[in-house]
């Protein structure tokens, strides 16, 4: 058997056992939840008569679907991107601690001349 061919007797790989894919899936779900909440809030609050405009259309499901799709792409991407960028941050950074040395403050002497 050649090494490039998969082993027919091997167990299928569960993609959610991969930590990166699991991280992305969880954050995509968070972004999708935020998108659905935003769409529900927009429909409930009816800003600038948006709900009335959508429901007056011949196919309001298409408008709602496109709006939801745009929100899903936006909020899902933001949540996943934030998770990827936060991977390198250690536990100390999450509590607000940094690696910089804090020096005690000392009063500085300043010469002041008074001119009239």
PDB file of N, CA and C in Angstrom:
ATOM      1  N   UNK A   1       0.850  -1.177   0.000  1.00  0.00           N
ATOM      2  CA  UNK A   1       0.000   0.000   0.000  1.00  0.00           C
ATOM      3  C   UNK A   1       0.893   1.237   0.000  1.00  0.00           C
ATOM      4  N   UNK A   2       0.548   2.231  -0.798  1.00  0.00           N
ATOM      5  CA  UNK A   2       1.319   3.460  -0.865  1.00  0.00           C
ATOM      6  C   UNK A   2       1.002   4.352   0.330  1.00  0.00           C
ATOM      7  N   UNK A   3       1.982   5.154   0.796  1.00  0.00           N
ATOM      8  CA  UNK A   3       1.719   6.014   1.953  1.00  0.00           C
ATOM      9  C   UNK A   3       0.712   7.115   1.691  1.00  0.00           C
ATOM     10  N   UNK A   4       0.479   7.492   0.437  1.00  0.00           N
ATOM     11  CA  UNK A   4      -0.450   8.586   0.150  1.00  0.00           C
ATOM     12  C   UNK A   4      -1.910   8.153   0.221  1.00  0.00           C
ATOM     13  N   UNK A   5      -2.171   6.831   0.210  1.00  0.00           N
ATOM     14  CA  UNK A   5      -3.544   6.352   0.265  1.00  0.00           C
ATOM     15  C   UNK A   5      -3.971   6.155   1.714  1.00  0.00           C
ATOM     16  N   UNK A   6      -5.210   6.513   2.056  1.00  0.00           N
ATOM     17  CA  UNK A   6      -5.675   6.324   3.435  1.00  0.00           C
ATOM     18  C   UNK A   6      -5.843   4.840   3.751  1.00  0.00           C
ATOM     19  N   UNK A   7      -5.665   4.513   5.014  1.00  0.00           N
ATOM     20  CA  UNK A   7      -5.829   3.152   5.486  1.00  0.00           C
ATOM     21  C   UNK A   7      -7.324   2.849   5.584  1.00  0.00           C
ATOM     22  N   UNK A   8      -7.826   1.821   4.862  1.00  0.00           N
ATOM     23  CA  UNK A   8      -9.270   1.554   4.899  1.00  0.00           C
ATOM     24  C   UNK A   8      -9.755   1.070   6.257  1.00  0.00           C
ATOM     25  N   UNK A   9      -8.878   0.515   7.082  1.00  0.00           N
ATOM     26  CA  UNK A   9      -9.287   0.026   8.384  1.00  0.00           C
ATOM     27  C   UNK A   9      -9.177   1.056   9.489  1.00  0.00           C
ATOM     28  N   UNK A  10      -8.706   2.270   9.172  1.00  0.00           N
ATOM     29  CA  UNK A  10      -8.510   3.309  10.189  1.00  0.00           C
ATOM     30  C   UNK A  10      -9.860   3.906  10.593  1.00  0.00           C
ATOM     31  N   UNK A  11      -9.940   4.308  11.861  1.00  0.00           N
ATOM     32  CA  UNK A  11     -11.161   4.941  12.366  1.00  0.00           C
ATOM     33  C   UNK A  11     -11.288   6.341  11.783  1.00  0.00           C
ATOM     34  N   UNK A  12     -12.515   6.813  11.536  1.00  0.00           N
ATOM     35  CA  UNK A  12     -12.682   8.173  11.012  1.00  0.00           C
ATOM     36  C   UNK A  12     -12.220   9.207  12.039  1.00  0.00           C
ATOM     37  N   UNK A  13     -11.664  10.282  11.527  1.00  0.00           N
ATOM     38  CA  UNK A  13     -11.143  11.337  12.388  1.00  0.00           C
ATOM     39  C   UNK A  13     -12.277  12.288  12.761  1.00  0.00           C
ATOM     40  N   UNK A  14     -12.432  12.555  14.038  1.00  0.00           N
ATOM     41  CA  UNK A  14     -13.434  13.507  14.508  1.00  0.00           C
ATOM     42  C   UNK A  14     -12.805  14.896  14.447  1.00  0.00           C
ATOM     43  N   UNK A  15     -13.359  15.763  13.615  1.00  0.00           N
ATOM     44  CA  UNK A  15     -12.754  17.080  13.427  1.00  0.00           C
ATOM     45  C   UNK A  15     -12.845  17.944  14.677  1.00  0.00           C
ATOM     46  N   UNK A  16     -13.813  17.688  15.565  1.00  0.00           N
ATOM     47  CA  UNK A  16     -13.949  18.505  16.762  1.00  0.00           C
ATOM     48  C   UNK A  16     -12.971  18.110  17.858  1.00  0.00           C
ATOM     49  N   UNK A  17     -12.161  17.075  17.600  1.00  0.00           N
ATOM     50  CA  UNK A  17     -11.085  16.758  18.536  1.00  0.00           C
ATOM     51  C   UNK A  17      -9.873  17.655  18.288  1.00  0.00           C
ATOM     52  N   UNK A  18      -9.865  18.319  17.147  1.00  0.00           N
ATOM     53  CA  UNK A  18      -8.801  19.274  16.846  1.00  0.00           C
ATOM     54  C   UNK A  18      -9.084  20.549  17.629  1.00  0.00           C
ATOM     55  N   UNK A  19      -8.139  21.001  18.479  1.00  0.00           N
ATOM     56  CA  UNK A  19      -8.434  22.174  19.318  1.00  0.00           C
ATOM     57  C   UNK A  19      -8.725  23.441  18.519  1.00  0.00           C
ATOM     58  N   UNK A  20      -8.023  23.653  17.418  1.00  0.00           N
ATOM     59  CA  UNK A  20      -8.244  24.873  16.637  1.00  0.00           C
ATOM     60  C   UNK A  20      -9.630  24.870  16.001  1.00  0.00           C
ATOM     61  N   UNK A  21     -10.026  23.743  15.429  1.00  0.00           N
ATOM     62  CA  UNK A  21     -11.348  23.674  14.798  1.00  0.00           C
ATOM     63  C   UNK A  21     -12.462  23.787  15.830  1.00  0.00           C
ATOM     64  N   UNK A  22     -12.251  23.206  17.008  1.00  0.00           N
ATOM     65  CA  UNK A  22     -13.245  23.327  18.077  1.00  0.00           C
ATOM     66  C   UNK A  22     -13.359  24.783  18.523  1.00  0.00           C
ATOM     67  N   UNK A  23     -12.217  25.468  18.652  1.00  0.00           N
ATOM     68  CA  UNK A  23     -12.217  26.885  19.028  1.00  0.00           C
ATOM     69  C   UNK A  23     -12.974  27.712  18.001  1.00  0.00           C
ATOM     70  N   UNK A  24     -12.723  27.457  16.721  1.00  0.00           N
ATOM     71  CA  UNK A  24     -13.406  28.202  15.671  1.00  0.00           C
ATOM     72  C   UNK A  24     -14.901  27.901  15.651  1.00  0.00           C
ATOM     73  N   UNK A  25     -15.277  26.645  15.856  1.00  0.00           N
ATOM     74  CA  UNK A  25     -16.696  26.279  15.843  1.00  0.00           C
ATOM     75  C   UNK A  25     -17.450  26.929  17.004  1.00  0.00           C
ATOM     76  N   UNK A  26     -16.832  26.929  18.183  1.00  0.00           N
ATOM     77  CA  UNK A  26     -17.480  27.541  19.346  1.00  0.00           C
ATOM     78  C   UNK A  26     -17.656  29.041  19.126  1.00  0.00           C
ATOM     79  N   UNK A  27     -16.637  29.697  18.605  1.00  0.00           N
ATOM     80  CA  UNK A  27     -16.730  31.136  18.395  1.00  0.00           C
ATOM     81  C   UNK A  27     -17.633  31.484  17.222  1.00  0.00           C
ATOM     82  N   UNK A  28     -17.733  30.615  16.237  1.00  0.00           N
ATOM     83  CA  UNK A  28     -18.704  30.829  15.169  1.00  0.00           C
ATOM     84  C   UNK A  28     -20.124  30.741  15.724  1.00  0.00           C
ATOM     85  N   UNK A  29     -20.355  29.807  16.633  1.00  0.00           N
ATOM     86  CA  UNK A  29     -21.674  29.697  17.263  1.00  0.00           C
ATOM     87  C   UNK A  29     -21.983  30.940  18.097  1.00  0.00           C
ATOM     88  N   UNK A  30     -20.977  31.480  18.776  1.00  0.00           N
ATOM     89  CA  UNK A  30     -21.174  32.717  19.541  1.00  0.00           C
ATOM     90  C   UNK A  30     -21.525  33.865  18.601  1.00  0.00           C
ATOM     91  N   UNK A  31     -20.810  33.973  17.490  1.00  0.00           N
ATOM     92  CA  UNK A  31     -21.107  35.019  16.513  1.00  0.00           C
ATOM     93  C   UNK A  31     -22.475  34.852  15.884  1.00  0.00           C
ATOM     94  N   UNK A  32     -22.875  33.605  15.616  1.00  0.00           N
ATOM     95  CA  UNK A  32     -24.199  33.353  15.038  1.00  0.00           C
ATOM     96  C   UNK A  32     -25.298  33.714  16.025  1.00  0.00           C
ATOM     97  N   UNK A  33     -25.063  33.441  17.298  1.00  0.00           N
ATOM     98  CA  UNK A  33     -26.045  33.814  18.321  1.00  0.00           C
ATOM     99  C   UNK A  33     -26.188  35.334  18.396  1.00  0.00           C
ATOM    100  N   UNK A  34     -25.049  36.026  18.354  1.00  0.00           N
ATOM    101  CA  UNK A  34     -25.096  37.496  18.383  1.00  0.00           C
ATOM    102  C   UNK A  34     -25.814  38.037  17.146  1.00  0.00           C
ATOM    103  N   UNK A  35     -25.591  37.419  15.995  1.00  0.00           N
ATOM    104  CA  UNK A  35     -26.257  37.859  14.766  1.00  0.00           C
ATOM    105  C   UNK A  35     -27.767  37.655  14.855  1.00  0.00           C
ATOM    106  N   UNK A  36     -28.178  36.511  15.371  1.00  0.00           N
ATOM    107  CA  UNK A  36     -29.615  36.245  15.499  1.00  0.00           C
ATOM    108  C   UNK A  36     -30.262  37.196  16.503  1.00  0.00           C
ATOM    109  N   UNK A  37     -29.564  37.480  17.597  1.00  0.00           N
ATOM    110  CA  UNK A  37     -30.097  38.430  18.579  1.00  0.00           C
ATOM    111  C   UNK A  37     -30.210  39.836  17.992  1.00  0.00           C
ATOM    112  N   UNK A  38     -29.221  40.227  17.206  1.00  0.00           N
ATOM    113  CA  UNK A  38     -29.270  41.552  16.585  1.00  0.00           C
ATOM    114  C   UNK A  38     -30.420  41.644  15.597  1.00  0.00           C
ATOM    115  N   UNK A  39     -30.594  40.614  14.784  1.00  0.00           N
ATOM    116  CA  UNK A  39     -31.705  40.636  13.829  1.00  0.00           C
ATOM    117  C   UNK A  39     -33.047  40.655  14.559  1.00  0.00           C
ATOM    118  N   UNK A  40     -33.168  39.850  15.611  1.00  0.00           N
ATOM    119  CA  UNK A  40     -34.407  39.861  16.397  1.00  0.00           C
ATOM    120  C   UNK A  40     -34.655  41.210  17.040  1.00  0.00           C
ATOM    121  N   UNK A  41     -33.593  41.844  17.528  1.00  0.00           N
ATOM    122  CA  UNK A  41     -33.732  43.172  18.121  1.00  0.00           C
ATOM    123  C   UNK A  41     -34.136  44.220  17.101  1.00  0.00           C
ATOM    124  N   UNK A  42     -33.554  44.126  15.895  1.00  0.00           N
ATOM    125  CA  UNK A  42     -33.932  45.078  14.845  1.00  0.00           C
ATOM    126  C   UNK A  42     -35.391  44.910  14.437  1.00  0.00           C
ATOM    127  N   UNK A  43     -35.833  43.671  14.356  1.00  0.00           N
ATOM    128  CA  UNK A  43     -37.228  43.427  13.982  1.00  0.00           C
ATOM    129  C   UNK A  43     -38.167  43.874  15.104  1.00  0.00           C
ATOM    130  N   UNK A  44     -37.770  43.629  16.354  1.00  0.00           N
ATOM    131  CA  UNK A  44     -38.635  43.991  17.488  1.00  0.00           C
ATOM    132  C   UNK A  44     -38.701  45.509  17.687  1.00  0.00           C
ATOM    133  N   UNK A  45     -37.574  46.193  17.555  1.00  0.00           N
ATOM    134  CA  UNK A  45     -37.550  47.638  17.808  1.00  0.00           C
ATOM    135  C   UNK A  45     -38.054  48.467  16.627  1.00  0.00           C
ATOM    136  N   UNK A  46     -37.956  47.918  15.420  1.00  0.00           N
ATOM    137  CA  UNK A  46     -38.445  48.590  14.221  1.00  0.00           C
ATOM    138  C   UNK A  46     -37.836  49.988  14.030  1.00  0.00           C
ATOM    139  N   UNK A  47     -36.482  50.103  14.007  1.00  0.00           N
ATOM    140  CA  UNK A  47     -35.877  51.425  13.822  1.00  0.00           C
ATOM    141  C   UNK A  47     -36.104  51.931  12.394  1.00  0.00           C
ATOM    142  N   UNK A  48     -36.509  53.170  12.297  1.00  0.00           N
ATOM    143  CA  UNK A  48     -36.782  53.806  10.998  1.00  0.00           C
ATOM    144  C   UNK A  48     -37.722  52.968  10.129  1.00  0.00           C
ATOM    145  N   UNK A  49     -38.645  52.271  10.785  1.00  0.00           N
ATOM    146  CA  UNK A  49     -39.672  51.456  10.111  1.00  0.00           C
ATOM    147  C   UNK A  49     -39.059  50.361   9.242  1.00  0.00           C
ATOM    148  N   UNK A  50     -37.957  49.772   9.691  1.00  0.00           N
ATOM    149  CA  UNK A  50     -37.286  48.701   8.948  1.00  0.00           C
ATOM    150  C   UNK A  50     -38.161  47.448   8.864  1.00  0.00           C
ATOM    151  N   UNK A  51     -38.794  47.076   9.977  1.00  0.00           N
ATOM    152  CA  UNK A  51     -39.672  45.903   9.975  1.00  0.00           C
ATOM    153  C   UNK A  51     -40.823  46.098   8.992  1.00  0.00           C
ATOM    154  N   UNK A  52     -41.397  47.283   9.004  1.00  0.00           N
ATOM    155  CA  UNK A  52     -42.507  47.552   8.080  1.00  0.00           C
ATOM    156  C   UNK A  52     -42.047  47.462   6.629  1.00  0.00           C
ATOM    157  N   UNK A  53     -40.854  47.943   6.346  1.00  0.00           N
ATOM    158  CA  UNK A  53     -40.317  47.892   4.992  1.00  0.00           C
ATOM    159  C   UNK A  53     -40.079  46.450   4.551  1.00  0.00           C
ATOM    160  N   UNK A  54     -39.509  45.642   5.451  1.00  0.00           N
ATOM    161  CA  UNK A  54     -39.232  44.242   5.109  1.00  0.00           C
ATOM    162  C   UNK A  54     -40.521  43.469   4.913  1.00  0.00           C
ATOM    163  N   UNK A  55     -41.468  43.631   5.817  1.00  0.00           N
ATOM    164  CA  UNK A  55     -42.712  42.866   5.734  1.00  0.00           C
ATOM    165  C   UNK A  55     -43.623  43.333   4.601  1.00  0.00           C
ATOM    166  N   UNK A  56     -43.420  44.531   4.082  1.00  0.00           N
ATOM    167  CA  UNK A  56     -44.227  45.019   2.963  1.00  0.00           C
ATOM    168  C   UNK A  56     -43.752  44.452   1.626  1.00  0.00           C
ATOM    169  N   UNK A  57     -42.601  43.815   1.615  1.00  0.00           N
ATOM    170  CA  UNK A  57     -42.057  43.241   0.387  1.00  0.00           C
ATOM    171  C   UNK A  57     -42.842  41.984   0.001  1.00  0.00           C
ATOM    172  N   UNK A  58     -42.745  41.578  -1.280  1.00  0.00           N
ATOM    173  CA  UNK A  58     -43.422  40.367  -1.729  1.00  0.00           C
ATOM    174  C   UNK A  58     -42.835  39.117  -1.093  1.00  0.00           C
ATOM    175  N   UNK A  59     -41.528  39.129  -0.818  1.00  0.00           N
ATOM    176  CA  UNK A  59     -40.879  37.960  -0.194  1.00  0.00           C
ATOM    177  C   UNK A  59     -40.024  38.440   0.984  1.00  0.00           C
ATOM    178  N   UNK A  60     -40.654  38.637   2.124  1.00  0.00           N
ATOM    179  CA  UNK A  60     -39.896  39.127   3.277  1.00  0.00           C
ATOM    180  C   UNK A  60     -38.876  38.111   3.788  1.00  0.00           C
ATOM    181  N   UNK A  61     -39.086  36.829   3.511  1.00  0.00           N
ATOM    182  CA  UNK A  61     -38.124  35.812   3.953  1.00  0.00           C
ATOM    183  C   UNK A  61     -36.781  35.993   3.262  1.00  0.00           C
ATOM    184  N   UNK A  62     -36.806  36.423   2.009  1.00  0.00           N
ATOM    185  CA  UNK A  62     -35.552  36.654   1.292  1.00  0.00           C
ATOM    186  C   UNK A  62     -34.777  37.812   1.916  1.00  0.00           C
ATOM    187  N   UNK A  63     -35.460  38.885   2.211  1.00  0.00           N
ATOM    188  CA  UNK A  63     -34.799  40.038   2.829  1.00  0.00           C
ATOM    189  C   UNK A  63     -34.257  39.680   4.211  1.00  0.00           C
ATOM    190  N   UNK A  64     -35.053  38.966   4.998  1.00  0.00           N
ATOM    191  CA  UNK A  64     -34.597  38.554   6.330  1.00  0.00           C
ATOM    192  C   UNK A  64     -33.432  37.575   6.226  1.00  0.00           C
ATOM    193  N   UNK A  65     -33.494  36.663   5.266  1.00  0.00           N
ATOM    194  CA  UNK A  65     -32.410  35.703   5.075  1.00  0.00           C
ATOM    195  C   UNK A  65     -31.112  36.369   4.677  1.00  0.00           C
ATOM    196  N   UNK A  66     -31.186  37.325   3.766  1.00  0.00           N
ATOM    197  CA  UNK A  66     -29.982  38.041   3.349  1.00  0.00           C
ATOM    198  C   UNK A  66     -29.410  38.890   4.480  1.00  0.00           C
ATOM    199  N   UNK A  67     -30.284  39.520   5.245  1.00  0.00           N
ATOM    200  CA  UNK A  67     -29.835  40.316   6.378  1.00  0.00           C
ATOM    201  C   UNK A  67     -29.179  39.429   7.436  1.00  0.00           C
ATOM    202  N   UNK A  68     -29.793  38.285   7.723  1.00  0.00           N
ATOM    203  CA  UNK A  68     -29.224  37.345   8.684  1.00  0.00           C
ATOM    204  C   UNK A  68     -27.900  36.789   8.185  1.00  0.00           C
ATOM    205  N   UNK A  69     -27.809  36.468   6.901  1.00  0.00           N
ATOM    206  CA  UNK A  69     -26.568  35.958   6.330  1.00  0.00           C
ATOM    207  C   UNK A  69     -25.443  36.976   6.463  1.00  0.00           C
ATOM    208  N   UNK A  70     -25.728  38.235   6.179  1.00  0.00           N
ATOM    209  CA  UNK A  70     -24.712  39.277   6.334  1.00  0.00           C
ATOM    210  C   UNK A  70     -24.260  39.429   7.771  1.00  0.00           C
ATOM    211  N   UNK A  71     -25.207  39.372   8.708  1.00  0.00           N
ATOM    212  CA  UNK A  71     -24.846  39.451  10.127  1.00  0.00           C
ATOM    213  C   UNK A  71     -24.052  38.223  10.567  1.00  0.00           C
ATOM    214  N   UNK A  72     -24.417  37.033  10.059  1.00  0.00           N
ATOM    215  CA  UNK A  72     -23.680  35.821  10.410  1.00  0.00           C
ATOM    216  C   UNK A  72     -22.232  35.901   9.941  1.00  0.00           C
ATOM    217  N   UNK A  73     -22.032  36.339   8.717  1.00  0.00           N
ATOM    218  CA  UNK A  73     -20.668  36.467   8.198  1.00  0.00           C
ATOM    219  C   UNK A  73     -19.883  37.477   9.028  1.00  0.00           C
ATOM    220  N   UNK A  74     -20.494  38.612   9.322  1.00  0.00           N
ATOM    221  CA  UNK A  74     -19.796  39.663  10.054  1.00  0.00           C
ATOM    222  C   UNK A  74     -19.475  39.245  11.485  1.00  0.00           C
ATOM    223  N   UNK A  75     -20.492  38.853  12.238  1.00  0.00           N
ATOM    224  CA  UNK A  75     -20.265  38.547  13.648  1.00  0.00           C
ATOM    225  C   UNK A  75     -19.510  37.244  13.842  1.00  0.00           C
ATOM    226  N   UNK A  76     -19.729  36.260  12.972  1.00  0.00           N
ATOM    227  CA  UNK A  76     -18.962  35.024  13.047  1.00  0.00           C
ATOM    228  C   UNK A  76     -17.489  35.262  12.786  1.00  0.00           C
ATOM    229  N   UNK A  77     -17.186  36.091  11.782  1.00  0.00           N
ATOM    230  CA  UNK A  77     -15.796  36.406  11.473  1.00  0.00           C
ATOM    231  C   UNK A  77     -15.131  37.185  12.596  1.00  0.00           C
ATOM    232  N   UNK A  78     -15.848  38.111  13.181  1.00  0.00           N
ATOM    233  CA  UNK A  78     -15.291  38.892  14.288  1.00  0.00           C
ATOM    234  C   UNK A  78     -14.994  38.000  15.486  1.00  0.00           C
ATOM    235  N   UNK A  79     -15.921  37.115  15.827  1.00  0.00           N
ATOM    236  CA  UNK A  79     -15.717  36.231  16.975  1.00  0.00           C
ATOM    237  C   UNK A  79     -14.566  35.265  16.730  1.00  0.00           C
ATOM    238  N   UNK A  80     -14.487  34.692  15.533  1.00  0.00           N
ATOM    239  CA  UNK A  80     -13.393  33.761  15.243  1.00  0.00           C
ATOM    240  C   UNK A  80     -12.057  34.486  15.164  1.00  0.00           C
ATOM    241  N   UNK A  81     -12.038  35.660  14.560  1.00  0.00           N
ATOM    242  CA  UNK A  81     -10.796  36.428  14.484  1.00  0.00           C
ATOM    243  C   UNK A  81     -10.293  36.853  15.849  1.00  0.00           C
ATOM    244  N   UNK A  82     -11.199  37.250  16.714  1.00  0.00           N
ATOM    245  CA  UNK A  82     -10.814  37.618  18.075  1.00  0.00           C
ATOM    246  C   UNK A  82     -10.242  36.419  18.822  1.00  0.00           C
ATOM    247  N   UNK A  83     -10.844  35.257  18.623  1.00  0.00           N
ATOM    248  CA  UNK A  83     -10.337  34.051  19.285  1.00  0.00           C
ATOM    249  C   UNK A  83      -8.956  33.678  18.764  1.00  0.00           C
ATOM    250  N   UNK A  84      -8.732  33.804  17.470  1.00  0.00           N
ATOM    251  CA  UNK A  84      -7.420  33.482  16.898  1.00  0.00           C
ATOM    252  C   UNK A  84      -6.364  34.448  17.419  1.00  0.00           C
ATOM    253  N   UNK A  85      -6.693  35.732  17.469  1.00  0.00           N
ATOM    254  CA  UNK A  85      -5.707  36.714  17.939  1.00  0.00           C
ATOM    255  C   UNK A  85      -5.433  36.590  19.427  1.00  0.00           C
ATOM    256  N   UNK A  86      -6.343  36.022  20.186  1.00  0.00           N
ATOM    257  CA  UNK A  86      -6.150  35.876  21.625  1.00  0.00           C
ATOM    258  C   UNK A  86      -5.436  34.581  21.994  1.00  0.00           C
ATOM    259  N   UNK A  87      -5.088  33.752  21.032  1.00  0.00           N
ATOM    260  CA  UNK A  87      -4.438  32.476  21.342  1.00  0.00           C
ATOM    261  C   UNK A  87      -3.108  32.691  22.040  1.00  0.00           C
ATOM    262  N   UNK A  88      -2.296  33.624  21.589  1.00  0.00           N
ATOM    263  CA  UNK A  88      -0.971  33.826  22.151  1.00  0.00           C
ATOM    264  C   UNK A  88      -0.950  34.511  23.495  1.00  0.00           C
ATOM    265  N   UNK A  89      -2.081  34.997  23.951  1.00  0.00           N
ATOM    266  CA  UNK A  89      -2.121  35.708  25.219  1.00  0.00           C
ATOM    267  C   UNK A  89      -2.083  34.697  26.356  1.00  0.00           C
ATOM    268  N   UNK A  90      -1.229  34.944  27.343  1.00  0.00           N
ATOM    269  CA  UNK A  90      -1.125  34.041  28.479  1.00  0.00           C
ATOM    270  C   UNK A  90      -2.148  34.354  29.542  1.00  0.00           C
ATOM    271  N   UNK A  91      -2.134  33.565  30.615  1.00  0.00           N
ATOM    272  CA  UNK A  91      -3.072  33.778  31.713  1.00  0.00           C
ATOM    273  C   UNK A  91      -2.800  35.090  32.434  1.00  0.00           C
ATOM    274  N   UNK A  92      -1.526  35.510  32.522  1.00  0.00           N
ATOM    275  CA  UNK A  92      -1.200  36.748  33.210  1.00  0.00           C
ATOM    276  C   UNK A  92      -1.820  37.951  32.506  1.00  0.00           C
ATOM    277  N   UNK A  93      -1.858  37.914  31.173  1.00  0.00           N
ATOM    278  CA  UNK A  93      -2.432  39.034  30.421  1.00  0.00           C
ATOM    279  C   UNK A  93      -3.929  39.158  30.656  1.00  0.00           C
ATOM    280  N   UNK A  94      -4.596  38.048  30.866  1.00  0.00           N
ATOM    281  CA  UNK A  94      -6.042  38.086  31.067  1.00  0.00           C
ATOM    282  C   UNK A  94      -6.414  38.773  32.374  1.00  0.00           C
ATOM    283  N   UNK A  95      -5.511  38.751  33.351  1.00  0.00           N
ATOM    284  CA  UNK A  95      -5.786  39.407  34.627  1.00  0.00           C
ATOM    285  C   UNK A  95      -5.267  40.840  34.650  1.00  0.00           C
ATOM    286  N   UNK A  96      -4.732  41.309  33.533  1.00  0.00           N
ATOM    287  CA  UNK A  96      -4.278  42.689  33.465  1.00  0.00           C
ATOM    288  C   UNK A  96      -2.815  42.875  33.835  1.00  0.00           C
ATOM    289  N   UNK A  97      -2.115  41.803  34.139  1.00  0.00           N
ATOM    290  CA  UNK A  97      -0.708  41.924  34.486  1.00  0.00           C
ATOM    291  C   UNK A  97       0.135  41.905  33.223  1.00  0.00           C
ATOM    292  N   UNK A  98       1.229  42.639  33.236  1.00  0.00           N
ATOM    293  CA  UNK A  98       2.121  42.682  32.088  1.00  0.00           C
ATOM    294  C   UNK A  98       3.530  42.329  32.533  1.00  0.00           C
ATOM    295  N   UNK A  99       4.431  42.210  31.582  1.00  0.00           N
ATOM    296  CA  UNK A  99       5.816  41.867  31.886  1.00  0.00           C
ATOM    297  C   UNK A  99       6.683  43.101  32.130  1.00  0.00           C
ATOM    298  N   UNK A 100       6.103  44.278  32.144  1.00  0.00           N
ATOM    299  CA  UNK A 100       6.891  45.479  32.356  1.00  0.00           C
ATOM    300  C   UNK A 100       7.148  45.680  33.847  1.00  0.00           C
ATOM    301  N   UNK A 101       8.239  46.368  34.142  1.00  0.00           N
ATOM    302  CA  UNK A 101       8.599  46.658  35.530  1.00  0.00           C
ATOM    303  C   UNK A 101       8.018  48.013  35.885  1.00  0.00           C
ATOM    304  N   UNK A 102       7.310  48.065  36.980  1.00  0.00           N
ATOM    305  CA  UNK A 102       6.737  49.325  37.418  1.00  0.00           C
ATOM    306  C   UNK A 102       7.682  49.968  38.424  1.00  0.00           C
ATOM    307  N   UNK A 103       8.156  51.164  38.106  1.00  0.00           N
ATOM    308  CA  UNK A 103       9.056  51.891  38.986  1.00  0.00           C
ATOM    309  C   UNK A 103       8.255  52.815  39.892  1.00  0.00           C
ATOM    310  N   UNK A 104       8.713  53.016  41.120  1.00  0.00           N
ATOM    311  CA  UNK A 104       7.990  53.938  42.006  1.00  0.00           C
ATOM    312  C   UNK A 104       8.125  55.375  41.501  1.00  0.00           C
ATOM    313  N   UNK A 105       7.076  56.140  41.694  1.00  0.00           N
ATOM    314  CA  UNK A 105       7.093  57.531  41.261  1.00  0.00           C
ATOM    315  C   UNK A 105       7.864  58.371  42.271  1.00  0.00           C
ATOM    316  N   UNK A 106       8.662  59.291  41.758  1.00  0.00           N
ATOM    317  CA  UNK A 106       9.415  60.199  42.624  1.00  0.00           C
ATOM    318  C   UNK A 106       9.160  61.619  42.152  1.00  0.00           C
ATOM    319  N   UNK A 107       9.171  62.538  43.096  1.00  0.00           N
ATOM    320  CA  UNK A 107       8.957  63.939  42.761  1.00  0.00           C
ATOM    321  C   UNK A 107      10.187  64.478  42.022  1.00  0.00           C
ATOM    322  N   UNK A 108       9.951  65.264  40.992  1.00  0.00           N
ATOM    323  CA  UNK A 108      11.033  65.860  40.231  1.00  0.00           C
ATOM    324  C   UNK A 108      11.229  67.298  40.689  1.00  0.00           C
ATOM    325  N   UNK A 109      12.496  67.716  40.809  1.00  0.00           N
ATOM    326  CA  UNK A 109      12.800  69.098  41.180  1.00  0.00           C
ATOM    327  C   UNK A 109      12.857  69.940  39.922  1.00  0.00           C
ATOM    328  N   UNK A 110      12.108  71.035  39.937  1.00  0.00           N
ATOM    329  CA  UNK A 110      12.039  71.924  38.785  1.00  0.00           C
ATOM    330  C   UNK A 110      12.379  73.324  39.254  1.00  0.00           C
ATOM    331  N   UNK A 111      13.329  73.966  38.569  1.00  0.00           N
ATOM    332  CA  UNK A 111      13.674  75.354  38.878  1.00  0.00           C
ATOM    333  C   UNK A 111      12.698  76.275  38.154  1.00  0.00           C
ATOM    334  N   UNK A 112      12.114  77.200  38.912  1.00  0.00           N
ATOM    335  CA  UNK A 112      11.118  78.108  38.351  1.00  0.00           C
ATOM    336  C   UNK A 112      11.592  79.523  38.630  1.00  0.00           C
ATOM    337  N   UNK A 113      11.625  80.348  37.578  1.00  0.00           N
ATOM    338  CA  UNK A 113      11.981  81.747  37.732  1.00  0.00           C
ATOM    339  C   UNK A 113      10.732  82.583  37.544  1.00  0.00           C
ATOM    340  N   UNK A 114      10.589  83.566  38.392  1.00  0.00           N
ATOM    341  CA  UNK A 114       9.434  84.419  38.300  1.00  0.00           C
ATOM    342  C   UNK A 114       9.841  85.713  37.602  1.00  0.00           C
ATOM    343  N   UNK A 115       9.202  86.038  36.514  1.00  0.00           N
ATOM    344  CA  UNK A 115       9.509  87.272  35.771  1.00  0.00           C
ATOM    345  C   UNK A 115       8.304  88.201  35.829  1.00  0.00           C
ATOM    346  N   UNK A 116       8.611  89.428  36.015  1.00  0.00           N
ATOM    347  CA  UNK A 116       7.550  90.420  36.058  1.00  0.00           C
ATOM    348  C   UNK A 116       7.537  91.311  34.878  1.00  0.00           C
TER     349      UNK A 116
END
